[in-house]
Structures are given as structure tokens and as C-alpha cells.
Amino acid sequence: LFFVAAVSLALYGLFLFVQTNRHREDFLETRGDQGGPHIAAPTGLMLAASWLLLLLGLLCVILLAKSLTPSIESAVLGAGLPSAFVGVVIAVIVLLPEGLSALRAARSNSLQTSLNLALGSALASIGMTIPAVAAVSLLIGMPIVLGLEPEHIVLLVLSLFVSTLTLSTGRTTVLQGGLHLVIFAAFLVIAAIP
């Protein structure tokens, strides 16, 4: 678990480095309205405060998820779904605000902003939540096992393959978007009916 947590945190750090330093231009809008105001780089104090607030926000999300889990678990079990579906519901709750923002940006034809929001929120959720959950499990003495069933591994590999095809061309079609939605629907069905 702690190896996975360290790797997740390292990959998230690498993504942040690539997004903000090395390949920053890949994440900027390509429209002709680049003449907007330039935002200055944050000072060291601002950066430290941002990190502190980010970690504090993550702790709040984890504690809220922990307090919501019993009621969500009883609703999921009451609906006859497997207990693993609780994680899906919690993930939807955590990703919903950024997902809606990404959808709003896509509807206003700001596709780069939409992609940045979607990738950033998913990577932040994965890259920071796994290490935080590992630390909390160590503190409270509750062992957690991260594992995927074979059908989930197939869907993961399929979604990575389709994502590579989608993102490599620089253009997206309705067919590719529909394929992503079908893979997601298959995941929900497999999670709900194992």
C-alpha cells in the first residue's frame, strides 16, 4: 500500500512539474486571445500557503468522506449493491465539482480548460488521496488492500488505450467520447453487479 502511495504521489508531482514548468505550453489555450493579463509567478510564501491549504482541504475531504461513508454504505447495501460500490459513490462525490466545471468549459468551447480540469482533478484525487488514505490507515491501524479484479483490469487497460488514441491526435470526435462513456457505463455495471 505504501509503495502504491509513494508512486501515486510521485506521478502527481511529475504531472504538476510537467504542467507548470517543462511543457507548460501544452496546457495553455491556443485561441488568438492570448493578449489577456499575465499572471505573475507566486512568491515563496504564497506557494507555501497554497500547499498548506491544499493539504488542509484534502484532510477535510477525507474526514467528510469518512463521516459520509456509514450512511452511503447503508444506502448502497440497502439497494442490494456490493459494498465495493461505496467507493464509486465517494469518488463521484469528490470528482463532481471539477467534473461539472470541466463540462461547463467544454460547452463554452474552452476544450483545453476542460481537459485541464478533468485531468487535474482526476490526477489530484488519485495522486493525493491514495497517500492520504495510506497515512490515515497507518494512524488508525486499519489495513487497506488496493486490488483490482480481472474485469476491472481489462476495463482499465481499455480506457488507457482509448485515452491514448483520443489524446494523441489533438482532435476528439463524438465516437471517441461515446466510447469513453460506454467504458464508464460498463465499469458501473460491473461494480454494481459483480
C-alpha atoms as a PDB file:
ATOM      1  CA  LEU A   1       0.000   0.000   0.000  1.00  0.00           C
ATOM      2  CA  PHE A   2       2.757   2.436   0.854  1.00  0.00           C
ATOM      3  CA  PHE A   3       4.623   1.685  -2.383  1.00  0.00           C
ATOM      4  CA  VAL A   4       1.453   2.477  -4.326  1.00  0.00           C
ATOM      5  CA  ALA A   5       1.013   5.649  -2.245  1.00  0.00           C
ATOM      6  CA  ALA A   6       4.584   6.775  -2.953  1.00  0.00           C
ATOM      7  CA  VAL A   7       4.253   6.045  -6.676  1.00  0.00           C
ATOM      8  CA  SER A   8       0.907   7.889  -6.833  1.00  0.00           C
ATOM      9  CA  LEU A   9       2.380  10.932  -5.117  1.00  0.00           C
ATOM     10  CA  ALA A  10       5.463  10.848  -7.366  1.00  0.00           C
ATOM     11  CA  LEU A  11       3.320  10.657 -10.527  1.00  0.00           C
ATOM     12  CA  TYR A  12       1.161  13.542  -9.335  1.00  0.00           C
ATOM     13  CA  GLY A  13       4.294  15.588  -8.611  1.00  0.00           C
ATOM     14  CA  LEU A  14       5.628  14.762 -12.073  1.00  0.00           C
ATOM     15  CA  PHE A  15       2.346  15.852 -13.659  1.00  0.00           C
ATOM     16  CA  LEU A  16       2.457  19.154 -11.752  1.00  0.00           C
ATOM     17  CA  PHE A  17       6.064  19.718 -12.841  1.00  0.00           C
ATOM     18  CA  VAL A  18       5.238  18.993 -16.480  1.00  0.00           C
ATOM     19  CA  GLN A  19       2.083  21.132 -16.374  1.00  0.00           C
ATOM     20  CA  THR A  20       3.659  24.148 -14.694  1.00  0.00           C
ATOM     21  CA  ASN A  21       7.274  24.082 -15.906  1.00  0.00           C
ATOM     22  CA  ARG A  22       8.570  21.699 -18.518  1.00  0.00           C
ATOM     23  CA  HIS A  23       5.696  21.560 -21.027  1.00  0.00           C
ATOM     24  CA  ARG A  24       3.554  24.439 -19.819  1.00  0.00           C
ATOM     25  CA  GLU A  25       2.572  25.409 -23.375  1.00  0.00           C
ATOM     26  CA  ASP A  26       0.790  22.061 -23.833  1.00  0.00           C
ATOM     27  CA  PHE A  27      -1.741  23.081 -21.182  1.00  0.00           C
ATOM     28  CA  LEU A  28      -2.451  26.635 -22.387  1.00  0.00           C
ATOM     29  CA  GLU A  29      -5.390  27.719 -24.532  1.00  0.00           C
ATOM     30  CA  THR A  30      -4.477  28.016 -28.210  1.00  0.00           C
ATOM     31  CA  ARG A  31      -7.004  30.718 -29.081  1.00  0.00           C
ATOM     32  CA  GLY A  32      -5.974  34.047 -30.539  1.00  0.00           C
ATOM     33  CA  ASP A  33      -6.938  35.911 -27.358  1.00  0.00           C
ATOM     34  CA  GLN A  34      -3.578  35.394 -25.668  1.00  0.00           C
ATOM     35  CA  GLY A  35      -3.305  39.138 -25.027  1.00  0.00           C
ATOM     36  CA  GLY A  36      -5.022  38.860 -21.649  1.00  0.00           C
ATOM     37  CA  PRO A  37      -3.382  39.861 -18.399  1.00  0.00           C
ATOM     38  CA  HIS A  38      -0.225  37.993 -17.468  1.00  0.00           C
ATOM     39  CA  ILE A  39      -0.365  36.284 -14.092  1.00  0.00           C
ATOM     40  CA  ALA A  40       2.865  36.607 -12.145  1.00  0.00           C
ATOM     41  CA  ALA A  41       4.519  33.572 -10.586  1.00  0.00           C
ATOM     42  CA  PRO A  42       3.591  33.110  -6.919  1.00  0.00           C
ATOM     43  CA  THR A  43       6.041  34.096  -4.218  1.00  0.00           C
ATOM     44  CA  GLY A  44       7.531  31.521  -1.872  1.00  0.00           C
ATOM     45  CA  LEU A  45       5.111  32.492   0.885  1.00  0.00           C
ATOM     46  CA  MET A  46       2.128  32.195  -1.464  1.00  0.00           C
ATOM     47  CA  LEU A  47       3.350  28.797  -2.640  1.00  0.00           C
ATOM     48  CA  ALA A  48       3.773  27.543   0.942  1.00  0.00           C
ATOM     49  CA  ALA A  49       0.318  28.851   1.873  1.00  0.00           C
ATOM     50  CA  SER A  50      -1.175  27.171  -1.205  1.00  0.00           C
ATOM     51  CA  TRP A  51       0.384  23.817  -0.285  1.00  0.00           C
ATOM     52  CA  LEU A  52      -0.805  24.149   3.310  1.00  0.00           C
ATOM     53  CA  LEU A  53      -4.348  24.982   2.207  1.00  0.00           C
ATOM     54  CA  LEU A  54      -4.279  22.139  -0.329  1.00  0.00           C
ATOM     55  CA  LEU A  55      -3.304  19.623   2.358  1.00  0.00           C
ATOM     56  CA  LEU A  56      -5.871  21.074   4.760  1.00  0.00           C
ATOM     57  CA  GLY A  57      -8.565  20.809   2.077  1.00  0.00           C
ATOM     58  CA  LEU A  58      -7.548  17.215   1.356  1.00  0.00           C
ATOM     59  CA  LEU A  59      -7.789  16.374   5.054  1.00  0.00           C
ATOM     60  CA  CYS A  60     -11.275  17.922   5.172  1.00  0.00           C
ATOM     61  CA  VAL A  61     -12.383  15.892   2.146  1.00  0.00           C
ATOM     62  CA  ILE A  62     -11.072  12.679   3.730  1.00  0.00           C
ATOM     63  CA  LEU A  63     -12.795  13.403   7.039  1.00  0.00           C
ATOM     64  CA  LEU A  64     -16.060  14.291   5.280  1.00  0.00           C
ATOM     65  CA  ALA A  65     -15.851  11.120   3.198  1.00  0.00           C
ATOM     66  CA  LYS A  66     -15.251   9.135   6.384  1.00  0.00           C
ATOM     67  CA  SER A  67     -18.284  10.709   8.061  1.00  0.00           C
ATOM     68  CA  LEU A  68     -20.454  10.166   4.962  1.00  0.00           C
ATOM     69  CA  THR A  69     -19.372   6.569   4.455  1.00  0.00           C
ATOM     70  CA  PRO A  70     -21.718   4.913   7.018  1.00  0.00           C
ATOM     71  CA  SER A  71     -24.864   6.493   5.556  1.00  0.00           C
ATOM     72  CA  ILE A  72     -23.725   5.841   1.972  1.00  0.00           C
ATOM     73  CA  GLU A  73     -22.807   2.272   2.904  1.00  0.00           C
ATOM     74  CA  SER A  74     -26.236   1.604   4.397  1.00  0.00           C
ATOM     75  CA  ALA A  75     -27.924   3.067   1.288  1.00  0.00           C
ATOM     76  CA  VAL A  76     -25.724   1.000  -1.054  1.00  0.00           C
ATOM     77  CA  LEU A  77     -26.283  -2.220   0.896  1.00  0.00           C
ATOM     78  CA  GLY A  78     -29.999  -1.400   1.182  1.00  0.00           C
ATOM     79  CA  ALA A  79     -30.141  -1.165  -2.614  1.00  0.00           C
ATOM     80  CA  GLY A  80     -28.606  -4.637  -2.858  1.00  0.00           C
ATOM     81  CA  LEU A  81     -25.312  -3.421  -4.330  1.00  0.00           C
ATOM     82  CA  PRO A  82     -21.911  -4.782  -3.260  1.00  0.00           C
ATOM     83  CA  SER A  83     -20.018  -2.859  -0.584  1.00  0.00           C
ATOM     84  CA  ALA A  84     -17.259  -2.006  -3.093  1.00  0.00           C
ATOM     85  CA  PHE A  85     -19.777   0.319  -4.779  1.00  0.00           C
ATOM     86  CA  VAL A  86     -19.414   2.685  -1.795  1.00  0.00           C
ATOM     87  CA  GLY A  87     -16.010   3.700  -3.176  1.00  0.00           C
ATOM     88  CA  VAL A  88     -17.593   4.526  -6.530  1.00  0.00           C
ATOM     89  CA  VAL A  89     -20.158   6.781  -4.838  1.00  0.00           C
ATOM     90  CA  ILE A  90     -17.470   8.538  -2.758  1.00  0.00           C
ATOM     91  CA  ALA A  91     -15.324   9.035  -5.883  1.00  0.00           C
ATOM     92  CA  VAL A  92     -18.283  10.574  -7.722  1.00  0.00           C
ATOM     93  CA  ILE A  93     -18.904  12.958  -4.812  1.00  0.00           C
ATOM     94  CA  VAL A  94     -15.246  14.008  -4.733  1.00  0.00           C
ATOM     95  CA  LEU A  95     -14.900  14.435  -8.520  1.00  0.00           C
ATOM     96  CA  LEU A  96     -18.308  16.016  -9.173  1.00  0.00           C
ATOM     97  CA  PRO A  97     -17.419  19.734  -8.716  1.00  0.00           C
ATOM     98  CA  GLU A  98     -14.395  19.638 -11.032  1.00  0.00           C
ATOM     99  CA  GLY A  99     -16.240  17.379 -13.448  1.00  0.00           C
ATOM    100  CA  LEU A 100     -19.102  19.870 -13.720  1.00  0.00           C
ATOM    101  CA  SER A 101     -16.604  22.707 -14.224  1.00  0.00           C
ATOM    102  CA  ALA A 102     -14.905  20.701 -16.981  1.00  0.00           C
ATOM    103  CA  LEU A 103     -18.280  20.062 -18.605  1.00  0.00           C
ATOM    104  CA  ARG A 104     -19.161  23.768 -18.420  1.00  0.00           C
ATOM    105  CA  ALA A 105     -15.803  24.687 -20.000  1.00  0.00           C
ATOM    106  CA  ALA A 106     -16.339  22.152 -22.791  1.00  0.00           C
ATOM    107  CA  ARG A 107     -19.816  23.533 -23.509  1.00  0.00           C
ATOM    108  CA  SER A 108     -18.343  27.034 -23.868  1.00  0.00           C
ATOM    109  CA  ASN A 109     -15.765  25.643 -26.330  1.00  0.00           C
ATOM    110  CA  SER A 110     -12.810  26.010 -23.934  1.00  0.00           C
ATOM    111  CA  LEU A 111     -11.635  22.478 -24.581  1.00  0.00           C
ATOM    112  CA  GLN A 112      -8.124  22.938 -23.198  1.00  0.00           C
ATOM    113  CA  THR A 113      -9.530  24.287 -19.938  1.00  0.00           C
ATOM    114  CA  SER A 114     -11.982  21.397 -19.845  1.00  0.00           C
ATOM    115  CA  LEU A 115      -9.207  18.863 -20.365  1.00  0.00           C
ATOM    116  CA  ASN A 116      -7.016  20.554 -17.751  1.00  0.00           C
ATOM    117  CA  LEU A 117      -9.837  20.473 -15.198  1.00  0.00           C
ATOM    118  CA  ALA A 118     -10.713  16.845 -15.893  1.00  0.00           C
ATOM    119  CA  LEU A 119      -7.133  15.550 -15.891  1.00  0.00           C
ATOM    120  CA  GLY A 120      -6.081  17.728 -12.978  1.00  0.00           C
ATOM    121  CA  SER A 121      -8.945  16.703 -10.715  1.00  0.00           C
ATOM    122  CA  ALA A 122      -8.614  13.010 -11.537  1.00  0.00           C
ATOM    123  CA  LEU A 123      -4.853  13.036 -11.019  1.00  0.00           C
ATOM    124  CA  ALA A 124      -5.158  15.055  -7.819  1.00  0.00           C
ATOM    125  CA  SER A 125      -7.769  12.653  -6.488  1.00  0.00           C
ATOM    126  CA  ILE A 126      -5.635   9.635  -7.290  1.00  0.00           C
ATOM    127  CA  GLY A 127      -2.230  11.140  -6.590  1.00  0.00           C
ATOM    128  CA  MET A 128      -3.059  12.664  -3.242  1.00  0.00           C
ATOM    129  CA  THR A 129      -5.931  10.582  -1.899  1.00  0.00           C
ATOM    130  CA  ILE A 130      -4.105   7.248  -2.005  1.00  0.00           C
ATOM    131  CA  PRO A 131      -1.147   8.551   0.067  1.00  0.00           C
ATOM    132  CA  ALA A 132      -3.542  10.295   2.463  1.00  0.00           C
ATOM    133  CA  VAL A 133      -5.646   7.151   2.903  1.00  0.00           C
ATOM    134  CA  ALA A 134      -2.463   5.116   3.438  1.00  0.00           C
ATOM    135  CA  ALA A 135      -1.318   7.554   6.134  1.00  0.00           C
ATOM    136  CA  VAL A 136      -4.720   7.546   7.841  1.00  0.00           C
ATOM    137  CA  SER A 137      -4.863   3.734   7.722  1.00  0.00           C
ATOM    138  CA  LEU A 138      -1.455   3.640   9.399  1.00  0.00           C
ATOM    139  CA  LEU A 139      -2.574   6.112  12.077  1.00  0.00           C
ATOM    140  CA  ILE A 140      -5.818   4.330  12.923  1.00  0.00           C
ATOM    141  CA  GLY A 141      -4.379   0.838  12.473  1.00  0.00           C
ATOM    142  CA  MET A 142      -6.855  -0.266   9.821  1.00  0.00           C
ATOM    143  CA  PRO A 143      -5.335  -2.292   6.979  1.00  0.00           C
ATOM    144  CA  ILE A 144      -6.427  -1.357   3.471  1.00  0.00           C
ATOM    145  CA  VAL A 145      -5.895  -3.509   0.408  1.00  0.00           C
ATOM    146  CA  LEU A 146      -5.837  -1.917  -3.028  1.00  0.00           C
ATOM    147  CA  GLY A 147      -6.600  -4.504  -5.645  1.00  0.00           C
ATOM    148  CA  LEU A 148      -8.402  -4.895  -8.922  1.00  0.00           C
ATOM    149  CA  GLU A 149     -10.449  -7.805 -10.123  1.00  0.00           C
ATOM    150  CA  PRO A 150      -9.555  -9.150 -13.600  1.00  0.00           C
ATOM    151  CA  GLU A 151     -12.570  -7.484 -15.229  1.00  0.00           C
ATOM    152  CA  HIS A 152     -11.547  -4.123 -13.750  1.00  0.00           C
ATOM    153  CA  ILE A 153      -8.009  -4.589 -15.075  1.00  0.00           C
ATOM    154  CA  VAL A 154      -9.414  -5.186 -18.572  1.00  0.00           C
ATOM    155  CA  LEU A 155     -11.505  -2.003 -18.346  1.00  0.00           C
ATOM    156  CA  LEU A 156      -8.516  -0.043 -17.028  1.00  0.00           C
ATOM    157  CA  VAL A 157      -6.276  -1.162 -19.891  1.00  0.00           C
ATOM    158  CA  LEU A 158      -9.064  -0.490 -22.394  1.00  0.00           C
ATOM    159  CA  SER A 159      -9.665   3.005 -21.032  1.00  0.00           C
ATOM    160  CA  LEU A 160      -5.926   3.769 -21.091  1.00  0.00           C
ATOM    161  CA  PHE A 161      -5.746   2.592 -24.715  1.00  0.00           C
ATOM    162  CA  VAL A 162      -8.776   4.634 -25.778  1.00  0.00           C
ATOM    163  CA  SER A 163      -7.485   7.681 -23.864  1.00  0.00           C
ATOM    164  CA  THR A 164      -4.162   7.408 -25.674  1.00  0.00           C
ATOM    165  CA  LEU A 165      -5.955   7.309 -29.024  1.00  0.00           C
ATOM    166  CA  THR A 166      -8.156  10.238 -28.040  1.00  0.00           C
ATOM    167  CA  LEU A 167      -5.411  12.499 -26.708  1.00  0.00           C
ATOM    168  CA  SER A 168      -2.695  11.693 -29.256  1.00  0.00           C
ATOM    169  CA  THR A 169      -4.416  13.261 -32.261  1.00  0.00           C
ATOM    170  CA  GLY A 170      -5.287  16.622 -30.740  1.00  0.00           C
ATOM    171  CA  ARG A 171      -8.854  16.249 -32.022  1.00  0.00           C
ATOM    172  CA  THR A 172     -11.765  14.471 -30.428  1.00  0.00           C
ATOM    173  CA  THR A 173     -14.836  13.029 -32.090  1.00  0.00           C
ATOM    174  CA  VAL A 174     -18.266  12.154 -30.786  1.00  0.00           C
ATOM    175  CA  LEU A 175     -17.425   8.490 -31.383  1.00  0.00           C
ATOM    176  CA  GLN A 176     -14.409   8.676 -29.069  1.00  0.00           C
ATOM    177  CA  GLY A 177     -16.435  10.465 -26.394  1.00  0.00           C
ATOM    178  CA  GLY A 178     -19.189   7.889 -26.724  1.00  0.00           C
ATOM    179  CA  LEU A 179     -16.652   5.085 -26.391  1.00  0.00           C
ATOM    180  CA  HIS A 180     -15.384   6.589 -23.133  1.00  0.00           C
ATOM    181  CA  LEU A 181     -18.958   6.789 -21.835  1.00  0.00           C
ATOM    182  CA  VAL A 182     -19.618   3.151 -22.795  1.00  0.00           C
ATOM    183  CA  ILE A 183     -16.471   2.032 -20.937  1.00  0.00           C
ATOM    184  CA  PHE A 184     -17.592   4.050 -17.904  1.00  0.00           C
ATOM    185  CA  ALA A 185     -21.080   2.520 -18.074  1.00  0.00           C
ATOM    186  CA  ALA A 186     -19.506  -0.952 -18.281  1.00  0.00           C
ATOM    187  CA  PHE A 187     -17.465  -0.148 -15.174  1.00  0.00           C
ATOM    188  CA  LEU A 188     -20.574   0.965 -13.286  1.00  0.00           C
ATOM    189  CA  VAL A 189     -22.463  -2.193 -14.271  1.00  0.00           C
ATOM    190  CA  ILE A 190     -19.549  -4.450 -13.293  1.00  0.00           C
ATOM    191  CA  ALA A 191     -19.117  -2.570  -9.997  1.00  0.00           C
ATOM    192  CA  ALA A 192     -22.837  -2.818  -9.225  1.00  0.00           C
ATOM    193  CA  ILE A 193     -23.305  -6.422 -10.396  1.00  0.00           C
ATOM    194  CA  PRO A 194     -20.046  -8.318  -9.844  1.00  0.00           C
END
